[in-house]
Amino acid sequence: NMGWDELLKFMFYCCKSGSAQHKESALSILNSVPDIFGVDQHNYMTLIKEMLFASLNDPDHPNVRFAAIRATCAFLTELEEEDAKRHFSDFLKPMLKGIEDCVV
């Protein structure tokens, strides 16, 4: 876990930032390395959900919403526990809305 805690703190900081570029950077990391949380993932699940849900519902930055869709899909694909996946069912509506916003 050497150094990973700092990266995770950085990602959460970026997602709470007012900068769309910061948010997209954090989401890009999660999209590229969805299992970044490793064996400690269950400890971060609430924060991961908060980060992704807030980004999916970003009212001002469609690129952030689309990056959040990609990151959420990558994360859920790597998530092994089926029960944990069910906790993301409330993400479906903002994900579909984000896709709609990108294609319309």
C-alpha atoms as a PDB file:
ATOM      1  CA  ASN A   1       0.000   0.000   0.000  1.00  0.00           C
ATOM      2  CA  MET A   2       3.024   2.279  -0.131  1.00  0.00           C
ATOM      3  CA  GLY A   3       2.023   5.471  -1.893  1.00  0.00           C
ATOM      4  CA  TRP A   4      -1.442   4.289  -2.926  1.00  0.00           C
ATOM      5  CA  ASP A   5      -3.151   6.091  -0.061  1.00  0.00           C
ATOM      6  CA  GLU A   6      -1.771   9.369  -1.393  1.00  0.00           C
ATOM      7  CA  LEU A   7      -3.053   8.592  -4.890  1.00  0.00           C
ATOM      8  CA  LEU A   8      -6.493   7.756  -3.543  1.00  0.00           C
ATOM      9  CA  LYS A   9      -6.588  10.992  -1.536  1.00  0.00           C
ATOM     10  CA  PHE A  10      -5.549  12.851  -4.682  1.00  0.00           C
ATOM     11  CA  MET A  11      -8.344  11.225  -6.686  1.00  0.00           C
ATOM     12  CA  PHE A  12     -10.985  12.095  -4.106  1.00  0.00           C
ATOM     13  CA  TYR A  13      -9.640  15.650  -3.860  1.00  0.00           C
ATOM     14  CA  CYS A  14      -9.812  16.015  -7.638  1.00  0.00           C
ATOM     15  CA  CYS A  15     -13.393  14.775  -7.782  1.00  0.00           C
ATOM     16  CA  LYS A  16     -14.440  17.340  -5.197  1.00  0.00           C
ATOM     17  CA  SER A  17     -12.590  20.104  -7.034  1.00  0.00           C
ATOM     18  CA  GLY A  18     -14.468  22.724  -9.011  1.00  0.00           C
ATOM     19  CA  SER A  19     -12.227  21.990 -11.987  1.00  0.00           C
ATOM     20  CA  ALA A  20     -13.636  19.728 -14.685  1.00  0.00           C
ATOM     21  CA  GLN A  21     -10.079  18.795 -15.692  1.00  0.00           C
ATOM     22  CA  HIS A  22      -9.286  17.640 -12.153  1.00  0.00           C
ATOM     23  CA  LYS A  23     -12.442  15.544 -12.026  1.00  0.00           C
ATOM     24  CA  GLU A  24     -11.751  14.009 -15.424  1.00  0.00           C
ATOM     25  CA  SER A  25      -8.190  13.160 -14.355  1.00  0.00           C
ATOM     26  CA  ALA A  26      -9.367  11.232 -11.294  1.00  0.00           C
ATOM     27  CA  LEU A  27     -12.041   9.434 -13.279  1.00  0.00           C
ATOM     28  CA  SER A  28      -9.510   8.568 -15.962  1.00  0.00           C
ATOM     29  CA  ILE A  29      -7.308   6.916 -13.334  1.00  0.00           C
ATOM     30  CA  LEU A  30     -10.246   4.843 -12.104  1.00  0.00           C
ATOM     31  CA  ASN A  31     -11.216   3.962 -15.672  1.00  0.00           C
ATOM     32  CA  SER A  32      -7.658   2.869 -16.497  1.00  0.00           C
ATOM     33  CA  VAL A  33      -7.047   0.989 -13.234  1.00  0.00           C
ATOM     34  CA  PRO A  34     -10.473   0.062 -11.831  1.00  0.00           C
ATOM     35  CA  ASP A  35      -8.987  -2.325  -9.287  1.00  0.00           C
ATOM     36  CA  ILE A  36      -6.704   0.390  -7.887  1.00  0.00           C
ATOM     37  CA  PHE A  37      -8.243  -0.026  -4.434  1.00  0.00           C
ATOM     38  CA  GLY A  38      -7.115  -3.634  -4.200  1.00  0.00           C
ATOM     39  CA  VAL A  39      -8.004  -5.670  -1.140  1.00  0.00           C
ATOM     40  CA  ASP A  40      -8.975  -2.482   0.721  1.00  0.00           C
ATOM     41  CA  GLN A  41     -11.734  -1.696  -1.765  1.00  0.00           C
ATOM     42  CA  HIS A  42     -14.524  -2.471   0.718  1.00  0.00           C
ATOM     43  CA  ASN A  43     -13.060   0.207   3.043  1.00  0.00           C
ATOM     44  CA  TYR A  44     -13.433   2.822   0.308  1.00  0.00           C
ATOM     45  CA  MET A  45     -16.770   1.740  -1.188  1.00  0.00           C
ATOM     46  CA  THR A  46     -18.788   4.623   0.281  1.00  0.00           C
ATOM     47  CA  LEU A  47     -16.254   7.157  -0.982  1.00  0.00           C
ATOM     48  CA  ILE A  48     -16.058   5.500  -4.388  1.00  0.00           C
ATOM     49  CA  LYS A  49     -19.833   5.623  -4.723  1.00  0.00           C
ATOM     50  CA  GLU A  50     -19.923   9.276  -3.613  1.00  0.00           C
ATOM     51  CA  MET A  51     -17.181  10.215  -6.067  1.00  0.00           C
ATOM     52  CA  LEU A  52     -18.812   8.441  -9.006  1.00  0.00           C
ATOM     53  CA  PHE A  53     -22.381   9.506  -8.226  1.00  0.00           C
ATOM     54  CA  ALA A  54     -21.423  13.172  -7.826  1.00  0.00           C
ATOM     55  CA  SER A  55     -19.505  13.043 -11.100  1.00  0.00           C
ATOM     56  CA  LEU A  56     -22.383  11.339 -12.924  1.00  0.00           C
ATOM     57  CA  ASN A  57     -24.619  14.190 -11.797  1.00  0.00           C
ATOM     58  CA  ASP A  58     -22.239  17.084 -12.489  1.00  0.00           C
ATOM     59  CA  PRO A  59     -24.636  19.736 -13.825  1.00  0.00           C
ATOM     60  CA  ASP A  60     -22.036  21.886 -15.559  1.00  0.00           C
ATOM     61  CA  HIS A  61     -19.612  19.511 -17.252  1.00  0.00           C
ATOM     62  CA  PRO A  62     -20.884  16.904 -19.727  1.00  0.00           C
ATOM     63  CA  ASN A  63     -17.331  15.607 -20.211  1.00  0.00           C
ATOM     64  CA  VAL A  64     -17.142  14.841 -16.487  1.00  0.00           C
ATOM     65  CA  ARG A  65     -20.430  12.948 -16.677  1.00  0.00           C
ATOM     66  CA  PHE A  66     -19.173  10.892 -19.625  1.00  0.00           C
ATOM     67  CA  ALA A  67     -15.849  10.201 -17.879  1.00  0.00           C
ATOM     68  CA  ALA A  68     -17.850   9.070 -14.845  1.00  0.00           C
ATOM     69  CA  ILE A  69     -19.869   6.685 -17.013  1.00  0.00           C
ATOM     70  CA  ARG A  70     -16.672   5.120 -18.356  1.00  0.00           C
ATOM     71  CA  ALA A  71     -15.127   4.893 -14.880  1.00  0.00           C
ATOM     72  CA  THR A  72     -18.294   3.407 -13.372  1.00  0.00           C
ATOM     73  CA  CYS A  73     -18.515   0.776 -16.109  1.00  0.00           C
ATOM     74  CA  ALA A  74     -14.854  -0.159 -15.662  1.00  0.00           C
ATOM     75  CA  PHE A  75     -15.225  -0.311 -11.883  1.00  0.00           C
ATOM     76  CA  LEU A  76     -18.368  -2.446 -11.994  1.00  0.00           C
ATOM     77  CA  THR A  77     -16.806  -4.781 -14.541  1.00  0.00           C
ATOM     78  CA  GLU A  78     -13.939  -5.474 -12.129  1.00  0.00           C
ATOM     79  CA  LEU A  79     -16.174  -5.722  -9.067  1.00  0.00           C
ATOM     80  CA  GLU A  80     -16.378  -9.382  -8.149  1.00  0.00           C
ATOM     81  CA  GLU A  81     -19.121  -9.348  -5.520  1.00  0.00           C
ATOM     82  CA  GLU A  82     -22.549  -9.480  -7.119  1.00  0.00           C
ATOM     83  CA  ASP A  83     -24.145  -8.075  -3.957  1.00  0.00           C
ATOM     84  CA  ALA A  84     -21.863  -5.037  -4.133  1.00  0.00           C
ATOM     85  CA  LYS A  85     -22.902  -4.410  -7.741  1.00  0.00           C
ATOM     86  CA  ARG A  86     -26.533  -4.160  -6.645  1.00  0.00           C
ATOM     87  CA  HIS A  87     -25.628  -1.166  -4.494  1.00  0.00           C
ATOM     88  CA  PHE A  88     -24.971   0.727  -7.726  1.00  0.00           C
ATOM     89  CA  SER A  89     -28.477   0.268  -9.160  1.00  0.00           C
ATOM     90  CA  ASP A  90     -29.278   3.924  -8.439  1.00  0.00           C
ATOM     91  CA  PHE A  91     -26.510   4.844 -10.908  1.00  0.00           C
ATOM     92  CA  LEU A  92     -28.458   3.568 -13.901  1.00  0.00           C
ATOM     93  CA  LYS A  93     -30.652   6.641 -14.368  1.00  0.00           C
ATOM     94  CA  PRO A  94     -27.804   9.237 -14.302  1.00  0.00           C
ATOM     95  CA  MET A  95     -25.683   6.976 -16.517  1.00  0.00           C
ATOM     96  CA  LEU A  96     -28.421   6.737 -19.141  1.00  0.00           C
ATOM     97  CA  LYS A  97     -29.035  10.483 -18.893  1.00  0.00           C
ATOM     98  CA  GLY A  98     -25.315  11.109 -19.394  1.00  0.00           C
ATOM     99  CA  ILE A  99     -25.263   8.905 -22.473  1.00  0.00           C
ATOM    100  CA  GLU A 100     -28.321  10.673 -23.821  1.00  0.00           C
ATOM    101  CA  ASP A 101     -26.653  14.069 -23.260  1.00  0.00           C
ATOM    102  CA  CYS A 102     -23.590  12.923 -25.176  1.00  0.00           C
ATOM    103  CA  VAL A 103     -25.460  11.726 -28.245  1.00  0.00           C
ATOM    104  CA  VAL A 104     -28.146  14.399 -28.503  1.00  0.00           C
END
